[in-house]
Amino acid sequence: MTAKEKLRERVEGLSEQEASEALRLLDLGSDAATAAFRDAPVDDEPWSAADEAAAAKGRADIAAGRTVSLEQAIAVLEE
C-alpha cells in the first residue's frame, strides 16, 4: 500500500472535527512564518551560568507572583 493510499484510509476514519484539525495542520506547512521556524538552524549555543541565573530569577518572580498580564504589558508599550 502506498503512502497516499494509507493516508486516504486514515482520513476516511477521521471525524469531521479531526479532519478539520488535520487540514489546519497541513495548511500550516505552507505558511511562510511556520516554514521559517521549521527550517531555522538549531540553537546549539551552550546554556551559561548567566542564562541559568536569569531563568532562576524569572521562576522566582513567577512563584512570588511578581508578574503582569499581557494586557498590562501591552498598555505599557502603548504609552
C-alpha atoms as a PDB file:
ATOM      1  CA  MET A   1       0.000   0.000   0.000  1.00  0.00           C
ATOM      2  CA  THR A   2       1.399   3.416  -0.944  1.00  0.00           C
ATOM      3  CA  ALA A   3       1.724   6.326   1.460  1.00  0.00           C
ATOM      4  CA  LYS A   4      -1.120   8.136  -0.294  1.00  0.00           C
ATOM      5  CA  GLU A   5      -3.358   5.078  -0.010  1.00  0.00           C
ATOM      6  CA  LYS A   6      -2.563   4.782   3.697  1.00  0.00           C
ATOM      7  CA  LEU A   7      -3.297   8.469   4.152  1.00  0.00           C
ATOM      8  CA  ARG A   8      -6.633   8.207   2.329  1.00  0.00           C
ATOM      9  CA  GLU A   9      -7.585   5.257   4.527  1.00  0.00           C
ATOM     10  CA  ARG A  10      -6.750   7.147   7.692  1.00  0.00           C
ATOM     11  CA  VAL A  11      -8.573  10.282   6.532  1.00  0.00           C
ATOM     12  CA  GLU A  12     -11.740   8.259   5.996  1.00  0.00           C
ATOM     13  CA  GLY A  13     -11.627   7.209   9.654  1.00  0.00           C
ATOM     14  CA  LEU A  14     -11.442  10.784  10.977  1.00  0.00           C
ATOM     15  CA  SER A  15     -14.368  12.659  12.452  1.00  0.00           C
ATOM     16  CA  GLU A  16     -15.250  15.966  10.833  1.00  0.00           C
ATOM     17  CA  GLN A  17     -13.547  17.820  13.696  1.00  0.00           C
ATOM     18  CA  GLU A  18     -10.394  15.681  13.409  1.00  0.00           C
ATOM     19  CA  ALA A  19     -10.340  16.204   9.643  1.00  0.00           C
ATOM     20  CA  SER A  20     -10.667  19.959  10.121  1.00  0.00           C
ATOM     21  CA  GLU A  21      -7.711  19.979  12.542  1.00  0.00           C
ATOM     22  CA  ALA A  22      -5.625  17.791  10.214  1.00  0.00           C
ATOM     23  CA  LEU A  23      -6.340  20.165   7.348  1.00  0.00           C
ATOM     24  CA  ARG A  24      -5.341  23.146   9.500  1.00  0.00           C
ATOM     25  CA  LEU A  25      -2.047  21.438  10.346  1.00  0.00           C
ATOM     26  CA  LEU A  26      -1.372  20.616   6.710  1.00  0.00           C
ATOM     27  CA  ASP A  27      -2.032  24.243   5.769  1.00  0.00           C
ATOM     28  CA  LEU A  28       0.482  25.368   8.392  1.00  0.00           C
ATOM     29  CA  GLY A  29       3.180  23.542   6.469  1.00  0.00           C
ATOM     30  CA  SER A  30       2.852  26.016   3.620  1.00  0.00           C
ATOM     31  CA  ASP A  31       2.796  29.109   5.864  1.00  0.00           C
ATOM     32  CA  ALA A  32       5.939  31.232   5.404  1.00  0.00           C
ATOM     33  CA  ALA A  33       6.339  32.053   9.105  1.00  0.00           C
ATOM     34  CA  THR A  34       5.952  28.415  10.122  1.00  0.00           C
ATOM     35  CA  ALA A  35       8.424  27.362   7.436  1.00  0.00           C
ATOM     36  CA  ALA A  36      10.953  29.917   8.710  1.00  0.00           C
ATOM     37  CA  PHE A  37      10.797  28.444  12.226  1.00  0.00           C
ATOM     38  CA  ARG A  38      10.809  24.871  10.920  1.00  0.00           C
ATOM     39  CA  ASP A  39      13.838  25.494   8.714  1.00  0.00           C
ATOM     40  CA  ALA A  40      15.802  27.621  11.189  1.00  0.00           C
ATOM     41  CA  PRO A  41      19.116  26.182  12.348  1.00  0.00           C
ATOM     42  CA  VAL A  42      19.213  24.505  15.739  1.00  0.00           C
ATOM     43  CA  ASP A  43      20.341  26.816  18.534  1.00  0.00           C
ATOM     44  CA  ASP A  44      23.408  24.968  19.754  1.00  0.00           C
ATOM     45  CA  GLU A  45      24.818  27.757  21.920  1.00  0.00           C
ATOM     46  CA  PRO A  46      25.591  26.303  25.342  1.00  0.00           C
ATOM     47  CA  TRP A  47      23.445  27.296  28.340  1.00  0.00           C
ATOM     48  CA  SER A  48      25.620  29.539  30.504  1.00  0.00           C
ATOM     49  CA  ALA A  49      25.632  30.213  34.223  1.00  0.00           C
ATOM     50  CA  ALA A  50      24.239  33.688  33.456  1.00  0.00           C
ATOM     51  CA  ASP A  51      21.400  32.095  31.463  1.00  0.00           C
ATOM     52  CA  GLU A  52      20.580  29.797  34.377  1.00  0.00           C
ATOM     53  CA  ALA A  53      20.693  32.714  36.836  1.00  0.00           C
ATOM     54  CA  ALA A  54      18.304  34.748  34.691  1.00  0.00           C
ATOM     55  CA  ALA A  55      15.938  31.781  34.333  1.00  0.00           C
ATOM     56  CA  ALA A  56      16.052  31.125  38.092  1.00  0.00           C
ATOM     57  CA  LYS A  57      15.212  34.782  38.759  1.00  0.00           C
ATOM     58  CA  GLY A  58      12.262  34.550  36.397  1.00  0.00           C
ATOM     59  CA  ARG A  59      10.998  31.375  38.056  1.00  0.00           C
ATOM     60  CA  ALA A  60      11.322  33.052  41.470  1.00  0.00           C
ATOM     61  CA  ASP A  61       9.376  36.080  40.221  1.00  0.00           C
ATOM     62  CA  ILE A  62       6.590  33.817  38.957  1.00  0.00           C
ATOM     63  CA  ALA A  63       6.491  31.872  42.232  1.00  0.00           C
ATOM     64  CA  ALA A  64       6.277  35.149  44.196  1.00  0.00           C
ATOM     65  CA  GLY A  65       3.506  36.487  41.973  1.00  0.00           C
ATOM     66  CA  ARG A  66       5.648  39.267  40.519  1.00  0.00           C
ATOM     67  CA  THR A  67       4.005  39.103  37.102  1.00  0.00           C
ATOM     68  CA  VAL A  68       1.900  41.295  34.832  1.00  0.00           C
ATOM     69  CA  SER A  69      -0.823  40.294  32.416  1.00  0.00           C
ATOM     70  CA  LEU A  70      -0.350  40.503  28.672  1.00  0.00           C
ATOM     71  CA  GLU A  71      -2.852  43.373  28.624  1.00  0.00           C
ATOM     72  CA  GLN A  72      -0.771  45.299  31.191  1.00  0.00           C
ATOM     73  CA  ALA A  73       2.424  44.732  29.229  1.00  0.00           C
ATOM     74  CA  ILE A  74       0.799  45.928  26.003  1.00  0.00           C
ATOM     75  CA  ALA A  75      -0.577  49.006  27.780  1.00  0.00           C
ATOM     76  CA  VAL A  76       2.933  49.947  28.920  1.00  0.00           C
ATOM     77  CA  LEU A  77       4.259  49.572  25.373  1.00  0.00           C
ATOM     78  CA  GLU A  78       1.469  51.758  24.017  1.00  0.00           C
ATOM     79  CA  GLU A  79       2.208  54.637  26.427  1.00  0.00           C
END
